[in-house]
C-alpha cells in the first residue's frame, strides 16, 4: 500500500518546482538579453506588422522547449489532486495563459 505522506510530499515538491519554473520563465521573459536594438517603430506600428515577419521558427521552438517542462511539472503536481484528463487540461490552460501573458 502507498504511504500517503510520500505522495503528498512528492505533490508538494512538484508544486514548488512548477512555481519556481514559472518564476524563472517570468524572469527570463522580462529580462532583456544583450544585443537588443530599437526597431524604430511605435507599439501600434509593431502590431500592424504581419506575424510571419516578427515571429520566427526559432521563437516557436524556443517557446516550446521553454514551456514543455512547465506543463509537465504542473501536470504532475495536479495529478495528485485531479484525474489525468483534468490535470492535462488545467496544465495546458495554465501554460497557454503564462505564455500569452509573457508575450
PDB file of N, CA and C in Angstrom:
ATOM      1  N   UNK A   1       0.838  -1.174   0.000  1.00  0.00           N
ATOM      2  CA  UNK A   1       0.000   0.000   0.000  1.00  0.00           C
ATOM      3  C   UNK A   1       0.884   1.238   0.000  1.00  0.00           C
ATOM      4  N   UNK A   2       0.445   2.294  -0.724  1.00  0.00           N
ATOM      5  CA  UNK A   2       1.218   3.518  -0.801  1.00  0.00           C
ATOM      6  C   UNK A   2       1.084   4.320   0.488  1.00  0.00           C
ATOM      7  N   UNK A   3       2.182   4.900   0.875  1.00  0.00           N
ATOM      8  CA  UNK A   3       2.173   5.768   2.040  1.00  0.00           C
ATOM      9  C   UNK A   3       1.680   7.151   1.608  1.00  0.00           C
ATOM     10  N   UNK A   4       0.610   7.690   2.218  1.00  0.00           N
ATOM     11  CA  UNK A   4       0.077   8.981   1.773  1.00  0.00           C
ATOM     12  C   UNK A   4       1.065  10.129   1.964  1.00  0.00           C
ATOM     13  N   UNK A   5       1.977   9.993   2.922  1.00  0.00           N
ATOM     14  CA  UNK A   5       2.963  11.051   3.149  1.00  0.00           C
ATOM     15  C   UNK A   5       3.893  11.194   1.954  1.00  0.00           C
ATOM     16  N   UNK A   6       4.272  10.076   1.346  1.00  0.00           N
ATOM     17  CA  UNK A   6       5.182  10.129   0.204  1.00  0.00           C
ATOM     18  C   UNK A   6       4.503  10.808  -0.982  1.00  0.00           C
ATOM     19  N   UNK A   7       3.272  10.445  -1.282  1.00  0.00           N
ATOM     20  CA  UNK A   7       2.608  11.062  -2.418  1.00  0.00           C
ATOM     21  C   UNK A   7       2.314  12.535  -2.144  1.00  0.00           C
ATOM     22  N   UNK A   8       1.979  12.896  -0.898  1.00  0.00           N
ATOM     23  CA  UNK A   8       1.747  14.299  -0.559  1.00  0.00           C
ATOM     24  C   UNK A   8       3.050  15.096  -0.638  1.00  0.00           C
ATOM     25  N   UNK A   9       4.136  14.517  -0.203  1.00  0.00           N
ATOM     26  CA  UNK A   9       5.434  15.183  -0.274  1.00  0.00           C
ATOM     27  C   UNK A   9       5.862  15.372  -1.726  1.00  0.00           C
ATOM     28  N   UNK A  10       5.655  14.357  -2.539  1.00  0.00           N
ATOM     29  CA  UNK A  10       6.003  14.478  -3.959  1.00  0.00           C
ATOM     30  C   UNK A  10       5.138  15.527  -4.645  1.00  0.00           C
ATOM     31  N   UNK A  11       3.855  15.564  -4.325  1.00  0.00           N
ATOM     32  CA  UNK A  11       2.966  16.565  -4.920  1.00  0.00           C
ATOM     33  C   UNK A  11       3.394  17.965  -4.498  1.00  0.00           C
ATOM     34  N   UNK A  12       3.770  18.121  -3.244  1.00  0.00           N
ATOM     35  CA  UNK A  12       4.225  19.427  -2.756  1.00  0.00           C
ATOM     36  C   UNK A  12       5.526  19.825  -3.442  1.00  0.00           C
ATOM     37  N   UNK A  13       6.444  18.871  -3.622  1.00  0.00           N
ATOM     38  CA  UNK A  13       7.704  19.159  -4.316  1.00  0.00           C
ATOM     39  C   UNK A  13       7.436  19.563  -5.762  1.00  0.00           C
ATOM     40  N   UNK A  14       6.556  18.853  -6.434  1.00  0.00           N
ATOM     41  CA  UNK A  14       6.220  19.187  -7.824  1.00  0.00           C
ATOM     42  C   UNK A  14       5.565  20.562  -7.915  1.00  0.00           C
ATOM     43  N   UNK A  15       4.750  20.906  -6.923  1.00  0.00           N
ATOM     44  CA  UNK A  15       4.133  22.227  -6.900  1.00  0.00           C
ATOM     45  C   UNK A  15       5.188  23.312  -6.738  1.00  0.00           C
ATOM     46  N   UNK A  16       6.125  23.106  -5.839  1.00  0.00           N
ATOM     47  CA  UNK A  16       7.203  24.080  -5.642  1.00  0.00           C
ATOM     48  C   UNK A  16       8.083  24.189  -6.882  1.00  0.00           C
ATOM     49  N   UNK A  17       8.372  23.059  -7.510  1.00  0.00           N
ATOM     50  CA  UNK A  17       9.184  23.092  -8.732  1.00  0.00           C
ATOM     51  C   UNK A  17       8.452  23.807  -9.867  1.00  0.00           C
ATOM     52  N   UNK A  18       7.155  23.575 -10.012  1.00  0.00           N
ATOM     53  CA  UNK A  18       6.378  24.266 -11.041  1.00  0.00           C
ATOM     54  C   UNK A  18       6.314  25.757 -10.768  1.00  0.00           C
ATOM     55  N   UNK A  19       6.147  26.142  -9.512  1.00  0.00           N
ATOM     56  CA  UNK A  19       6.133  27.558  -9.148  1.00  0.00           C
ATOM     57  C   UNK A  19       7.479  28.204  -9.416  1.00  0.00           C
ATOM     58  N   UNK A  20       8.550  27.524  -9.037  1.00  0.00           N
ATOM     59  CA  UNK A  20       9.894  28.046  -9.300  1.00  0.00           C
ATOM     60  C   UNK A  20      10.182  28.171 -10.781  1.00  0.00           C
ATOM     61  N   UNK A  21       9.739  27.204 -11.554  1.00  0.00           N
ATOM     62  CA  UNK A  21       9.959  27.259 -13.002  1.00  0.00           C
ATOM     63  C   UNK A  21       9.138  28.380 -13.629  1.00  0.00           C
ATOM     64  N   UNK A  22       7.917  28.599 -13.135  1.00  0.00           N
ATOM     65  CA  UNK A  22       7.101  29.719 -13.625  1.00  0.00           C
ATOM     66  C   UNK A  22       7.774  31.050 -13.315  1.00  0.00           C
ATOM     67  N   UNK A  23       8.344  31.184 -12.133  1.00  0.00           N
ATOM     68  CA  UNK A  23       9.077  32.412 -11.791  1.00  0.00           C
ATOM     69  C   UNK A  23      10.310  32.580 -12.671  1.00  0.00           C
ATOM     70  N   UNK A  24      10.972  31.479 -12.999  1.00  0.00           N
ATOM     71  CA  UNK A  24      12.110  31.542 -13.908  1.00  0.00           C
ATOM     72  C   UNK A  24      11.681  32.010 -15.296  1.00  0.00           C
ATOM     73  N   UNK A  25      10.545  31.528 -15.777  1.00  0.00           N
ATOM     74  CA  UNK A  25      10.031  31.959 -17.079  1.00  0.00           C
ATOM     75  C   UNK A  25       9.715  33.452 -17.062  1.00  0.00           C
ATOM     76  N   UNK A  26       9.089  33.913 -15.977  1.00  0.00           N
ATOM     77  CA  UNK A  26       8.768  35.339 -15.862  1.00  0.00           C
ATOM     78  C   UNK A  26      10.050  36.164 -15.853  1.00  0.00           C
ATOM     79  N   UNK A  27      11.042  35.730 -15.087  1.00  0.00           N
ATOM     80  CA  UNK A  27      12.314  36.452 -15.021  1.00  0.00           C
ATOM     81  C   UNK A  27      13.006  36.478 -16.379  1.00  0.00           C
ATOM     82  N   UNK A  28      13.069  35.337 -17.038  1.00  0.00           N
ATOM     83  CA  UNK A  28      13.743  35.270 -18.337  1.00  0.00           C
ATOM     84  C   UNK A  28      12.991  36.049 -19.408  1.00  0.00           C
ATOM     85  N   UNK A  29      11.669  36.094 -19.305  1.00  0.00           N
ATOM     86  CA  UNK A  29      10.884  36.823 -20.304  1.00  0.00           C
ATOM     87  C   UNK A  29      10.972  38.328 -20.121  1.00  0.00           C
ATOM     88  N   UNK A  30      11.099  38.778 -18.902  1.00  0.00           N
ATOM     89  CA  UNK A  30      11.118  40.208 -18.635  1.00  0.00           C
ATOM     90  C   UNK A  30      12.521  40.804 -18.619  1.00  0.00           C
ATOM     91  N   UNK A  31      13.540  39.965 -18.585  1.00  0.00           N
ATOM     92  CA  UNK A  31      14.920  40.446 -18.594  1.00  0.00           C
ATOM     93  C   UNK A  31      15.429  40.467 -20.024  1.00  0.00           C
ATOM     94  N   UNK A  32      15.813  41.619 -20.521  1.00  0.00           N
ATOM     95  CA  UNK A  32      16.342  41.649 -21.895  1.00  0.00           C
ATOM     96  C   UNK A  32      17.736  41.031 -21.945  1.00  0.00           C
ATOM     97  N   UNK A  33      17.957  40.278 -22.993  1.00  0.00           N
ATOM     98  CA  UNK A  33      19.283  39.733 -23.219  1.00  0.00           C
ATOM     99  C   UNK A  33      20.127  40.784 -23.918  1.00  0.00           C
ATOM    100  N   UNK A  34      21.401  40.563 -24.027  1.00  0.00           N
ATOM    101  CA  UNK A  34      22.260  41.570 -24.651  1.00  0.00           C
ATOM    102  C   UNK A  34      22.017  41.619 -26.158  1.00  0.00           C
ATOM    103  N   UNK A  35      22.318  42.774 -26.740  1.00  0.00           N
ATOM    104  CA  UNK A  35      22.213  42.916 -28.180  1.00  0.00           C
ATOM    105  C   UNK A  35      20.881  43.433 -28.676  1.00  0.00           C
ATOM    106  N   UNK A  36      20.014  43.884 -27.792  1.00  0.00           N
ATOM    107  CA  UNK A  36      18.722  44.407 -28.228  1.00  0.00           C
ATOM    108  C   UNK A  36      18.914  45.780 -28.833  1.00  0.00           C
ATOM    109  N   UNK A  37      18.173  46.057 -29.894  1.00  0.00           N
ATOM    110  CA  UNK A  37      18.203  47.372 -30.524  1.00  0.00           C
ATOM    111  C   UNK A  37      16.780  47.845 -30.735  1.00  0.00           C
ATOM    112  N   UNK A  38      16.641  49.146 -30.789  1.00  0.00           N
ATOM    113  CA  UNK A  38      15.329  49.728 -31.090  1.00  0.00           C
ATOM    114  C   UNK A  38      15.042  49.521 -32.571  1.00  0.00           C
ATOM    115  N   UNK A  39      13.834  49.144 -32.888  1.00  0.00           N
ATOM    116  CA  UNK A  39      13.444  48.896 -34.276  1.00  0.00           C
ATOM    117  C   UNK A  39      12.973  50.164 -34.975  1.00  0.00           C
ATOM    118  N   UNK A  40      12.793  51.240 -34.232  1.00  0.00           N
ATOM    119  CA  UNK A  40      12.335  52.475 -34.819  1.00  0.00           C
ATOM    120  C   UNK A  40      10.846  52.489 -35.098  1.00  0.00           C
ATOM    121  N   UNK A  41      10.102  51.610 -34.419  1.00  0.00           N
ATOM    122  CA  UNK A  41       8.655  51.522 -34.622  1.00  0.00           C
ATOM    123  C   UNK A  41       7.946  51.742 -33.292  1.00  0.00           C
ATOM    124  N   UNK A  42       6.789  52.374 -33.359  1.00  0.00           N
ATOM    125  CA  UNK A  42       5.953  52.503 -32.173  1.00  0.00           C
ATOM    126  C   UNK A  42       5.260  51.173 -31.902  1.00  0.00           C
ATOM    127  N   UNK A  43       4.646  51.079 -30.726  1.00  0.00           N
ATOM    128  CA  UNK A  43       3.961  49.856 -30.342  1.00  0.00           C
ATOM    129  C   UNK A  43       2.808  49.548 -31.303  1.00  0.00           C
ATOM    130  N   UNK A  44       2.043  50.546 -31.659  1.00  0.00           N
ATOM    131  CA  UNK A  44       0.890  50.350 -32.557  1.00  0.00           C
ATOM    132  C   UNK A  44       1.364  49.932 -33.947  1.00  0.00           C
ATOM    133  N   UNK A  45       2.462  50.503 -34.418  1.00  0.00           N
ATOM    134  CA  UNK A  45       3.009  50.108 -35.723  1.00  0.00           C
ATOM    135  C   UNK A  45       3.485  48.662 -35.707  1.00  0.00           C
ATOM    136  N   UNK A  46       4.055  48.250 -34.588  1.00  0.00           N
ATOM    137  CA  UNK A  46       4.549  46.875 -34.476  1.00  0.00           C
ATOM    138  C   UNK A  46       3.389  45.877 -34.517  1.00  0.00           C
ATOM    139  N   UNK A  47       2.236  46.255 -33.979  1.00  0.00           N
ATOM    140  CA  UNK A  47       1.073  45.372 -34.018  1.00  0.00           C
ATOM    141  C   UNK A  47       0.517  45.207 -35.426  1.00  0.00           C
ATOM    142  N   UNK A  48       0.774  46.185 -36.289  1.00  0.00           N
ATOM    143  CA  UNK A  48       0.254  46.130 -37.655  1.00  0.00           C
ATOM    144  C   UNK A  48       1.128  45.277 -38.582  1.00  0.00           C
ATOM    145  N   UNK A  49       2.355  44.964 -38.170  1.00  0.00           N
ATOM    146  CA  UNK A  49       3.259  44.153 -38.989  1.00  0.00           C
ATOM    147  C   UNK A  49       2.761  42.709 -39.005  1.00  0.00           C
ATOM    148  N   UNK A  50       2.758  42.052 -40.156  1.00  0.00           N
ATOM    149  CA  UNK A  50       2.322  40.646 -40.206  1.00  0.00           C
ATOM    150  C   UNK A  50       3.160  39.764 -39.281  1.00  0.00           C
ATOM    151  N   UNK A  51       2.499  38.806 -38.655  1.00  0.00           N
ATOM    152  CA  UNK A  51       3.149  37.951 -37.665  1.00  0.00           C
ATOM    153  C   UNK A  51       4.307  37.163 -38.256  1.00  0.00           C
ATOM    154  N   UNK A  52       4.218  36.752 -39.505  1.00  0.00           N
ATOM    155  CA  UNK A  52       5.276  35.941 -40.104  1.00  0.00           C
ATOM    156  C   UNK A  52       6.596  36.705 -40.227  1.00  0.00           C
ATOM    157  N   UNK A  53       6.535  38.039 -40.163  1.00  0.00           N
ATOM    158  CA  UNK A  53       7.758  38.836 -40.230  1.00  0.00           C
ATOM    159  C   UNK A  53       8.404  39.034 -38.872  1.00  0.00           C
ATOM    160  N   UNK A  54       7.640  38.881 -37.805  1.00  0.00           N
ATOM    161  CA  UNK A  54       8.177  39.132 -36.473  1.00  0.00           C
ATOM    162  C   UNK A  54       8.361  37.871 -35.640  1.00  0.00           C
ATOM    163  N   UNK A  55       7.716  36.775 -36.001  1.00  0.00           N
ATOM    164  CA  UNK A  55       7.777  35.545 -35.216  1.00  0.00           C
ATOM    165  C   UNK A  55       8.422  34.466 -36.076  1.00  0.00           C
ATOM    166  N   UNK A  56       9.584  33.996 -35.655  1.00  0.00           N
ATOM    167  CA  UNK A  56      10.344  33.047 -36.465  1.00  0.00           C
ATOM    168  C   UNK A  56      10.168  31.618 -35.942  1.00  0.00           C
ATOM    169  N   UNK A  57      10.658  30.671 -36.704  1.00  0.00           N
ATOM    170  CA  UNK A  57      10.631  29.267 -36.275  1.00  0.00           C
ATOM    171  C   UNK A  57      11.498  29.073 -35.034  1.00  0.00           C
ATOM    172  N   UNK A  58      12.583  29.841 -34.925  1.00  0.00           N
ATOM    173  CA  UNK A  58      13.428  29.766 -33.730  1.00  0.00           C
ATOM    174  C   UNK A  58      12.638  30.189 -32.494  1.00  0.00           C
ATOM    175  N   UNK A  59      11.831  31.247 -32.599  1.00  0.00           N
ATOM    176  CA  UNK A  59      10.991  31.688 -31.482  1.00  0.00           C
ATOM    177  C   UNK A  59      10.010  30.596 -31.079  1.00  0.00           C
ATOM    178  N   UNK A  60       9.395  29.964 -32.057  1.00  0.00           N
ATOM    179  CA  UNK A  60       8.419  28.912 -31.777  1.00  0.00           C
ATOM    180  C   UNK A  60       9.085  27.712 -31.095  1.00  0.00           C
ATOM    181  N   UNK A  61      10.253  27.309 -31.589  1.00  0.00           N
ATOM    182  CA  UNK A  61      10.962  26.171 -30.986  1.00  0.00           C
ATOM    183  C   UNK A  61      11.424  26.503 -29.577  1.00  0.00           C
ATOM    184  N   UNK A  62      11.909  27.721 -29.370  1.00  0.00           N
ATOM    185  CA  UNK A  62      12.369  28.131 -28.041  1.00  0.00           C
ATOM    186  C   UNK A  62      11.207  28.180 -27.056  1.00  0.00           C
ATOM    187  N   UNK A  63      10.062  28.690 -27.488  1.00  0.00           N
ATOM    188  CA  UNK A  63       8.884  28.713 -26.616  1.00  0.00           C
ATOM    189  C   UNK A  63       8.433  27.296 -26.273  1.00  0.00           C
ATOM    190  N   UNK A  64       8.428  26.412 -27.246  1.00  0.00           N
ATOM    191  CA  UNK A  64       8.024  25.031 -26.989  1.00  0.00           C
ATOM    192  C   UNK A  64       8.960  24.363 -25.981  1.00  0.00           C
ATOM    193  N   UNK A  65      10.253  24.522 -26.179  1.00  0.00           N
ATOM    194  CA  UNK A  65      11.217  23.908 -25.266  1.00  0.00           C
ATOM    195  C   UNK A  65      11.213  24.557 -23.883  1.00  0.00           C
ATOM    196  N   UNK A  66      10.818  25.816 -23.809  1.00  0.00           N
ATOM    197  CA  UNK A  66      10.779  26.513 -22.521  1.00  0.00           C
ATOM    198  C   UNK A  66       9.543  26.150 -21.713  1.00  0.00           C
ATOM    199  N   UNK A  67       8.418  26.019 -22.384  1.00  0.00           N
ATOM    200  CA  UNK A  67       7.161  25.781 -21.673  1.00  0.00           C
ATOM    201  C   UNK A  67       6.829  24.310 -21.495  1.00  0.00           C
ATOM    202  N   UNK A  68       7.491  23.427 -22.190  1.00  0.00           N
ATOM    203  CA  UNK A  68       7.234  21.996 -22.031  1.00  0.00           C
ATOM    204  C   UNK A  68       7.529  21.499 -20.615  1.00  0.00           C
ATOM    205  N   UNK A  69       8.687  21.831 -20.008  1.00  0.00           N
ATOM    206  CA  UNK A  69       8.908  21.397 -18.619  1.00  0.00           C
ATOM    207  C   UNK A  69       7.905  21.997 -17.635  1.00  0.00           C
ATOM    208  N   UNK A  70       7.488  23.238 -17.895  1.00  0.00           N
ATOM    209  CA  UNK A  70       6.490  23.855 -17.024  1.00  0.00           C
ATOM    210  C   UNK A  70       5.184  23.067 -17.066  1.00  0.00           C
ATOM    211  N   UNK A  71       4.719  22.738 -18.251  1.00  0.00           N
ATOM    212  CA  UNK A  71       3.494  21.962 -18.379  1.00  0.00           C
ATOM    213  C   UNK A  71       3.606  20.586 -17.743  1.00  0.00           C
ATOM    214  N   UNK A  72       4.763  19.962 -17.889  1.00  0.00           N
ATOM    215  CA  UNK A  72       4.975  18.648 -17.278  1.00  0.00           C
ATOM    216  C   UNK A  72       4.934  18.739 -15.754  1.00  0.00           C
ATOM    217  N   UNK A  73       5.611  19.733 -15.190  1.00  0.00           N
ATOM    218  CA  UNK A  73       5.619  19.883 -13.731  1.00  0.00           C
ATOM    219  C   UNK A  73       4.234  20.226 -13.187  1.00  0.00           C
ATOM    220  N   UNK A  74       3.513  21.099 -13.870  1.00  0.00           N
ATOM    221  CA  UNK A  74       2.168  21.449 -13.421  1.00  0.00           C
ATOM    222  C   UNK A  74       1.250  20.239 -13.542  1.00  0.00           C
ATOM    223  N   UNK A  75       1.359  19.511 -14.644  1.00  0.00           N
ATOM    224  CA  UNK A  75       0.536  18.316 -14.809  1.00  0.00           C
ATOM    225  C   UNK A  75       0.803  17.271 -13.740  1.00  0.00           C
ATOM    226  N   UNK A  76       2.061  17.082 -13.408  1.00  0.00           N
ATOM    227  CA  UNK A  76       2.393  16.116 -12.355  1.00  0.00           C
ATOM    228  C   UNK A  76       1.924  16.584 -10.980  1.00  0.00           C
ATOM    229  N   UNK A  77       2.026  17.892 -10.733  1.00  0.00           N
ATOM    230  CA  UNK A  77       1.566  18.424  -9.445  1.00  0.00           C
ATOM    231  C   UNK A  77       0.046  18.297  -9.321  1.00  0.00           C
ATOM    232  N   UNK A  78      -0.661  18.538 -10.401  1.00  0.00           N
ATOM    233  CA  UNK A  78      -2.117  18.464 -10.363  1.00  0.00           C
ATOM    234  C   UNK A  78      -2.626  17.022 -10.387  1.00  0.00           C
ATOM    235  N   UNK A  79      -1.809  16.109 -10.840  1.00  0.00           N
ATOM    236  CA  UNK A  79      -2.210  14.697 -10.945  1.00  0.00           C
ATOM    237  C   UNK A  79      -2.547  14.117  -9.588  1.00  0.00           C
ATOM    238  N   UNK A  80      -1.913  14.614  -8.533  1.00  0.00           N
ATOM    239  CA  UNK A  80      -2.196  14.107  -7.191  1.00  0.00           C
ATOM    240  C   UNK A  80      -3.561  14.570  -6.697  1.00  0.00           C
ATOM    241  N   UNK A  81      -4.090  15.655  -7.268  1.00  0.00           N
ATOM    242  CA  UNK A  81      -5.356  16.206  -6.808  1.00  0.00           C
ATOM    243  C   UNK A  81      -6.518  15.917  -7.750  1.00  0.00           C
ATOM    244  N   UNK A  82      -6.234  15.816  -9.037  1.00  0.00           N
ATOM    245  CA  UNK A  82      -7.272  15.632 -10.047  1.00  0.00           C
ATOM    246  C   UNK A  82      -6.964  14.376 -10.850  1.00  0.00           C
ATOM    247  N   UNK A  83      -7.841  14.041 -11.741  1.00  0.00           N
ATOM    248  CA  UNK A  83      -7.612  12.916 -12.638  1.00  0.00           C
ATOM    249  C   UNK A  83      -6.620  13.299 -13.732  1.00  0.00           C
ATOM    250  N   UNK A  84      -6.262  12.327 -14.544  1.00  0.00           N
ATOM    251  CA  UNK A  84      -5.273  12.559 -15.589  1.00  0.00           C
ATOM    252  C   UNK A  84      -5.769  13.560 -16.631  1.00  0.00           C
ATOM    253  N   UNK A  85      -6.994  13.394 -17.082  1.00  0.00           N
ATOM    254  CA  UNK A  85      -7.521  14.288 -18.116  1.00  0.00           C
ATOM    255  C   UNK A  85      -7.660  15.713 -17.600  1.00  0.00           C
ATOM    256  N   UNK A  86      -8.163  15.877 -16.395  1.00  0.00           N
ATOM    257  CA  UNK A  86      -8.331  17.215 -15.818  1.00  0.00           C
ATOM    258  C   UNK A  86      -6.980  17.893 -15.598  1.00  0.00           C
ATOM    259  N   UNK A  87      -5.989  17.132 -15.154  1.00  0.00           N
ATOM    260  CA  UNK A  87      -4.671  17.735 -14.916  1.00  0.00           C
ATOM    261  C   UNK A  87      -4.014  18.160 -16.235  1.00  0.00           C
ATOM    262  N   UNK A  88      -4.230  17.402 -17.297  1.00  0.00           N
ATOM    263  CA  UNK A  88      -3.682  17.787 -18.611  1.00  0.00           C
ATOM    264  C   UNK A  88      -4.355  19.055 -19.112  1.00  0.00           C
ATOM    265  N   UNK A  89      -5.666  19.133 -18.989  1.00  0.00           N
ATOM    266  CA  UNK A  89      -6.407  20.312 -19.464  1.00  0.00           C
ATOM    267  C   UNK A  89      -6.029  21.544 -18.655  1.00  0.00           C
ATOM    268  N   UNK A  90      -5.953  21.424 -17.343  1.00  0.00           N
ATOM    269  CA  UNK A  90      -5.599  22.571 -16.499  1.00  0.00           C
ATOM    270  C   UNK A  90      -4.163  23.013 -16.746  1.00  0.00           C
ATOM    271  N   UNK A  91      -3.244  22.068 -16.875  1.00  0.00           N
ATOM    272  CA  UNK A  91      -1.850  22.439 -17.121  1.00  0.00           C
ATOM    273  C   UNK A  91      -1.683  23.077 -18.500  1.00  0.00           C
ATOM    274  N   UNK A  92      -2.422  22.604 -19.483  1.00  0.00           N
ATOM    275  CA  UNK A  92      -2.390  23.226 -20.806  1.00  0.00           C
ATOM    276  C   UNK A  92      -2.916  24.659 -20.739  1.00  0.00           C
ATOM    277  N   UNK A  93      -4.018  24.857 -20.026  1.00  0.00           N
ATOM    278  CA  UNK A  93      -4.579  26.199 -19.861  1.00  0.00           C
ATOM    279  C   UNK A  93      -3.600  27.115 -19.125  1.00  0.00           C
ATOM    280  N   UNK A  94      -2.966  26.631 -18.073  1.00  0.00           N
ATOM    281  CA  UNK A  94      -2.012  27.456 -17.328  1.00  0.00           C
ATOM    282  C   UNK A  94      -0.781  27.792 -18.170  1.00  0.00           C
ATOM    283  N   UNK A  95      -0.296  26.836 -18.958  1.00  0.00           N
ATOM    284  CA  UNK A  95       0.844  27.102 -19.829  1.00  0.00           C
ATOM    285  C   UNK A  95       0.543  28.121 -20.901  1.00  0.00           C
ATOM    286  N   UNK A  96      -0.619  27.998 -21.524  1.00  0.00           N
ATOM    287  CA  UNK A  96      -1.022  28.962 -22.556  1.00  0.00           C
ATOM    288  C   UNK A  96      -1.227  30.340 -21.922  1.00  0.00           C
ATOM    289  N   UNK A  97      -1.831  30.391 -20.749  1.00  0.00           N
ATOM    290  CA  UNK A  97      -2.047  31.665 -20.068  1.00  0.00           C
ATOM    291  C   UNK A  97      -0.739  32.341 -19.696  1.00  0.00           C
ATOM    292  N   UNK A  98       0.211  31.577 -19.182  1.00  0.00           N
ATOM    293  CA  UNK A  98       1.504  32.145 -18.829  1.00  0.00           C
ATOM    294  C   UNK A  98       2.240  32.615 -20.066  1.00  0.00           C
ATOM    295  N   UNK A  99       2.208  31.832 -21.115  1.00  0.00           N
ATOM    296  CA  UNK A  99       2.874  32.218 -22.363  1.00  0.00           C
ATOM    297  C   UNK A  99       2.265  33.479 -22.957  1.00  0.00           C
ATOM    298  N   UNK A 100       0.944  33.551 -22.976  1.00  0.00           N
ATOM    299  CA  UNK A 100       0.271  34.729 -23.528  1.00  0.00           C
ATOM    300  C   UNK A 100       0.545  35.970 -22.680  1.00  0.00           C
ATOM    301  N   UNK A 101       0.607  35.811 -21.377  1.00  0.00           N
ATOM    302  CA  UNK A 101       0.857  36.970 -20.534  1.00  0.00           C
ATOM    303  C   UNK A 101       2.303  37.451 -20.636  1.00  0.00           C
ATOM    304  N   UNK A 102       3.223  36.554 -20.965  1.00  0.00           N
ATOM    305  CA  UNK A 102       4.628  36.963 -21.113  1.00  0.00           C
ATOM    306  C   UNK A 102       4.904  37.577 -22.479  1.00  0.00           C
ATOM    307  N   UNK A 103       4.099  37.247 -23.469  1.00  0.00           N
ATOM    308  CA  UNK A 103       4.292  37.810 -24.806  1.00  0.00           C
ATOM    309  C   UNK A 103       3.722  39.199 -24.841  1.00  0.00           C
TER     310      UNK A 103
END
